[in-house]
C-alpha atoms as a PDB file:
ATOM      1  CA  MET A   1      51.833 -31.474  24.296  1.00  0.00           C
ATOM      2  CA  ALA A   2      52.788 -28.400  21.974  1.00  0.00           C
ATOM      3  CA  ALA A   3      52.097 -25.890  25.104  1.00  0.00           C
ATOM      4  CA  ALA A   4      54.710 -27.397  26.992  1.00  0.00           C
ATOM      5  CA  VAL A   5      57.163 -27.437  24.228  1.00  0.00           C
ATOM      6  CA  ALA A   6      55.869 -23.880  23.665  1.00  0.00           C
ATOM      7  CA  THR A   7      56.568 -23.629  27.884  1.00  0.00           C
ATOM      8  CA  TRP A   8      59.840 -25.462  28.016  1.00  0.00           C
ATOM      9  CA  VAL A   9      61.028 -22.736  24.579  1.00  0.00           C
ATOM     10  CA  ALA A  10      60.088 -19.862  26.416  1.00  0.00           C
ATOM     11  CA  LEU A  11      61.947 -21.024  29.777  1.00  0.00           C
ATOM     12  CA  GLY A  12      64.968 -21.848  27.103  1.00  0.00           C
ATOM     13  CA  LEU A  13      64.810 -18.331  25.979  1.00  0.00           C
ATOM     14  CA  LEU A  14      64.659 -16.466  28.986  1.00  0.00           C
ATOM     15  CA  ALA A  15      67.210 -18.766  31.139  1.00  0.00           C
ATOM     16  CA  LEU A  16      70.060 -17.515  27.677  1.00  0.00           C
ATOM     17  CA  THR A  17      68.710 -13.806  28.421  1.00  0.00           C
ATOM     18  CA  THR A  18      69.213 -14.054  32.099  1.00  0.00           C
ATOM     19  CA  LEU A  19      72.994 -15.346  31.258  1.00  0.00           C
ATOM     20  CA  ALA A  20      73.076 -12.794  28.497  1.00  0.00           C
ATOM     21  CA  SER A  21      72.431  -9.941  30.852  1.00  0.00           C
ATOM     22  CA  CYS A  22      75.058 -11.427  33.259  1.00  0.00           C
ATOM     23  CA  ILE A  23      78.115 -11.306  30.237  1.00  0.00           C
ATOM     24  CA  VAL A  24      76.500  -7.649  29.530  1.00  0.00           C
ATOM     25  CA  LEU A  25      76.459  -6.796  33.384  1.00  0.00           C
ATOM     26  CA  LEU A  26      80.619  -7.676  34.013  1.00  0.00           C
ATOM     27  CA  ARG A  27      81.666  -6.114  30.583  1.00  0.00           C
ATOM     28  CA  ILE A  28      80.205  -2.587  31.996  1.00  0.00           C
ATOM     29  CA  ALA A  29      81.387  -3.224  35.050  1.00  0.00           C
ATOM     30  CA  SER A  30      84.700  -3.881  33.984  1.00  0.00           C
ATOM     31  CA  VAL A  31      84.282  -0.360  32.323  1.00  0.00           C
ATOM     32  CA  ALA A  32      82.206   1.465  34.689  1.00  0.00           C
ATOM     33  CA  PRO A  33      84.820   2.367  36.957  1.00  0.00           C
ATOM     34  CA  VAL A  34      86.624   4.405  34.315  1.00  0.00           C
ATOM     35  CA  ASP A  35      83.552   5.912  33.222  1.00  0.00           C
ATOM     36  CA  TYR A  36      82.640   6.717  36.627  1.00  0.00           C
ATOM     37  CA  PRO A  37      85.796   6.609  39.459  1.00  0.00           C
ATOM     38  CA  GLU A  38      83.448   7.859  42.085  1.00  0.00           C
ATOM     39  CA  TYR A  39      81.360   4.843  42.024  1.00  0.00           C
ATOM     40  CA  ALA A  40      84.073   2.472  41.729  1.00  0.00           C
ATOM     41  CA  ASP A  41      83.974   1.669  45.077  1.00  0.00           C
ATOM     42  CA  ALA A  42      80.556   0.561  45.148  1.00  0.00           C
ATOM     43  CA  ILE A  43      80.745  -1.751  41.364  1.00  0.00           C
ATOM     44  CA  PRO A  44      82.169  -5.211  42.950  1.00  0.00           C
ATOM     45  CA  PRO A  45      78.997  -5.270  45.583  1.00  0.00           C
ATOM     46  CA  LEU A  46      76.657  -4.321  43.029  1.00  0.00           C
ATOM     47  CA  VAL A  47      77.449  -6.856  40.389  1.00  0.00           C
ATOM     48  CA  ALA A  48      77.689  -9.509  42.799  1.00  0.00           C
ATOM     49  CA  LEU A  49      74.428  -9.072  43.897  1.00  0.00           C
ATOM     50  CA  ALA A  50      72.760  -9.067  40.491  1.00  0.00           C
ATOM     51  CA  LEU A  51      75.021 -12.324  40.164  1.00  0.00           C
ATOM     52  CA  VAL A  52      73.092 -13.677  42.992  1.00  0.00           C
ATOM     53  CA  VAL A  53      69.517 -12.728  41.566  1.00  0.00           C
ATOM     54  CA  ALA A  54      70.397 -13.884  38.237  1.00  0.00           C
ATOM     55  CA  LEU A  55      71.046 -16.926  39.817  1.00  0.00           C
ATOM     56  CA  CYS A  56      68.169 -17.216  41.794  1.00  0.00           C
ATOM     57  CA  VAL A  57      66.178 -16.506  38.350  1.00  0.00           C
ATOM     58  CA  GLU A  58      68.235 -19.509  36.856  1.00  0.00           C
ATOM     59  CA  VAL A  59      67.126 -21.789  39.807  1.00  0.00           C
ATOM     60  CA  ALA A  60      63.566 -20.367  39.305  1.00  0.00           C
ATOM     61  CA  LEU A  61      63.596 -21.241  35.674  1.00  0.00           C
ATOM     62  CA  VAL A  62      65.037 -24.747  36.282  1.00  0.00           C
ATOM     63  CA  ALA A  63      62.354 -25.400  39.109  1.00  0.00           C
ATOM     64  CA  ALA A  64      59.577 -24.777  36.708  1.00  0.00           C
ATOM     65  CA  ALA A  65      60.378 -26.509  33.400  1.00  0.00           C
ATOM     66  CA  ILE A  66      60.742 -29.372  35.646  1.00  0.00           C
ATOM     67  CA  LEU A  67      57.376 -28.839  36.848  1.00  0.00           C
ATOM     68  CA  VAL A  68      55.904 -28.356  33.213  1.00  0.00           C
ATOM     69  CA  ARG A  69      57.667 -31.832  32.686  1.00  0.00           C
ATOM     70  CA  PHE A  70      55.331 -33.236  36.313  1.00  0.00           C
ATOM     71  CA  MET A  71      52.007 -31.352  34.672  1.00  0.00           C
ATOM     72  CA  ARG A  72      52.882 -33.825  30.920  1.00  0.00           C
ATOM     73  CA  GLY A  73      53.012 -36.910  33.267  1.00  0.00           C
ATOM     74  CA  ASP A  74      49.942 -35.985  35.660  1.00  0.00           C
ATOM     75  CA  ARG A  75      52.578 -35.748  38.326  1.00  0.00           C
ATOM     76  CA  ILE A  76      51.872 -32.138  39.314  1.00  0.00           C
ATOM     77  CA  PHE A  77      50.515 -32.897  43.059  1.00  0.00           C
ATOM     78  CA  ASP A  78      53.173 -35.665  43.865  1.00  0.00           C
ATOM     79  CA  PRO A  79      55.347 -34.895  46.954  1.00  0.00           C
ATOM     80  CA  VAL A  80      57.963 -34.414  44.749  1.00  0.00           C
ATOM     81  CA  ALA A  81      56.654 -31.913  42.844  1.00  0.00           C
ATOM     82  CA  GLN A  82      56.576 -29.918  46.132  1.00  0.00           C
ATOM     83  CA  ARG A  83      60.232 -29.803  46.144  1.00  0.00           C
ATOM     84  CA  PHE A  84      60.403 -27.284  42.894  1.00  0.00           C
ATOM     85  CA  VAL A  85      58.017 -24.858  43.750  1.00  0.00           C
ATOM     86  CA  ASN A  86      59.700 -25.127  47.270  1.00  0.00           C
ATOM     87  CA  ALA A  87      62.458 -24.221  45.166  1.00  0.00           C
ATOM     88  CA  ILE A  88      60.755 -21.455  43.039  1.00  0.00           C
ATOM     89  CA  LEU A  89      59.513 -19.807  46.295  1.00  0.00           C
ATOM     90  CA  THR A  90      62.961 -20.290  48.415  1.00  0.00           C
ATOM     91  CA  SER A  91      64.823 -18.368  44.892  1.00  0.00           C
ATOM     92  CA  PHE A  92      62.629 -15.003  45.263  1.00  0.00           C
END
């Protein structure tokens, strides 16, 4: 029980860190064209790519948290759990 709670807390902190990094990324992206005008055309696609990667990480974190819940109920080998494993693999 304690291990599951610690895992959920760690996954939650990772999710918050990912969201915070997206916020920082957007702020940096708004200032970067002023500081580096030669990269102004490349910044929007790179920011979009970074946000897509962050979304994939969030999907994997949520699926991992759900799988931890399945482990607590001894349902980790159910076919339903396989969908969440597939979600983690697909997100990467």
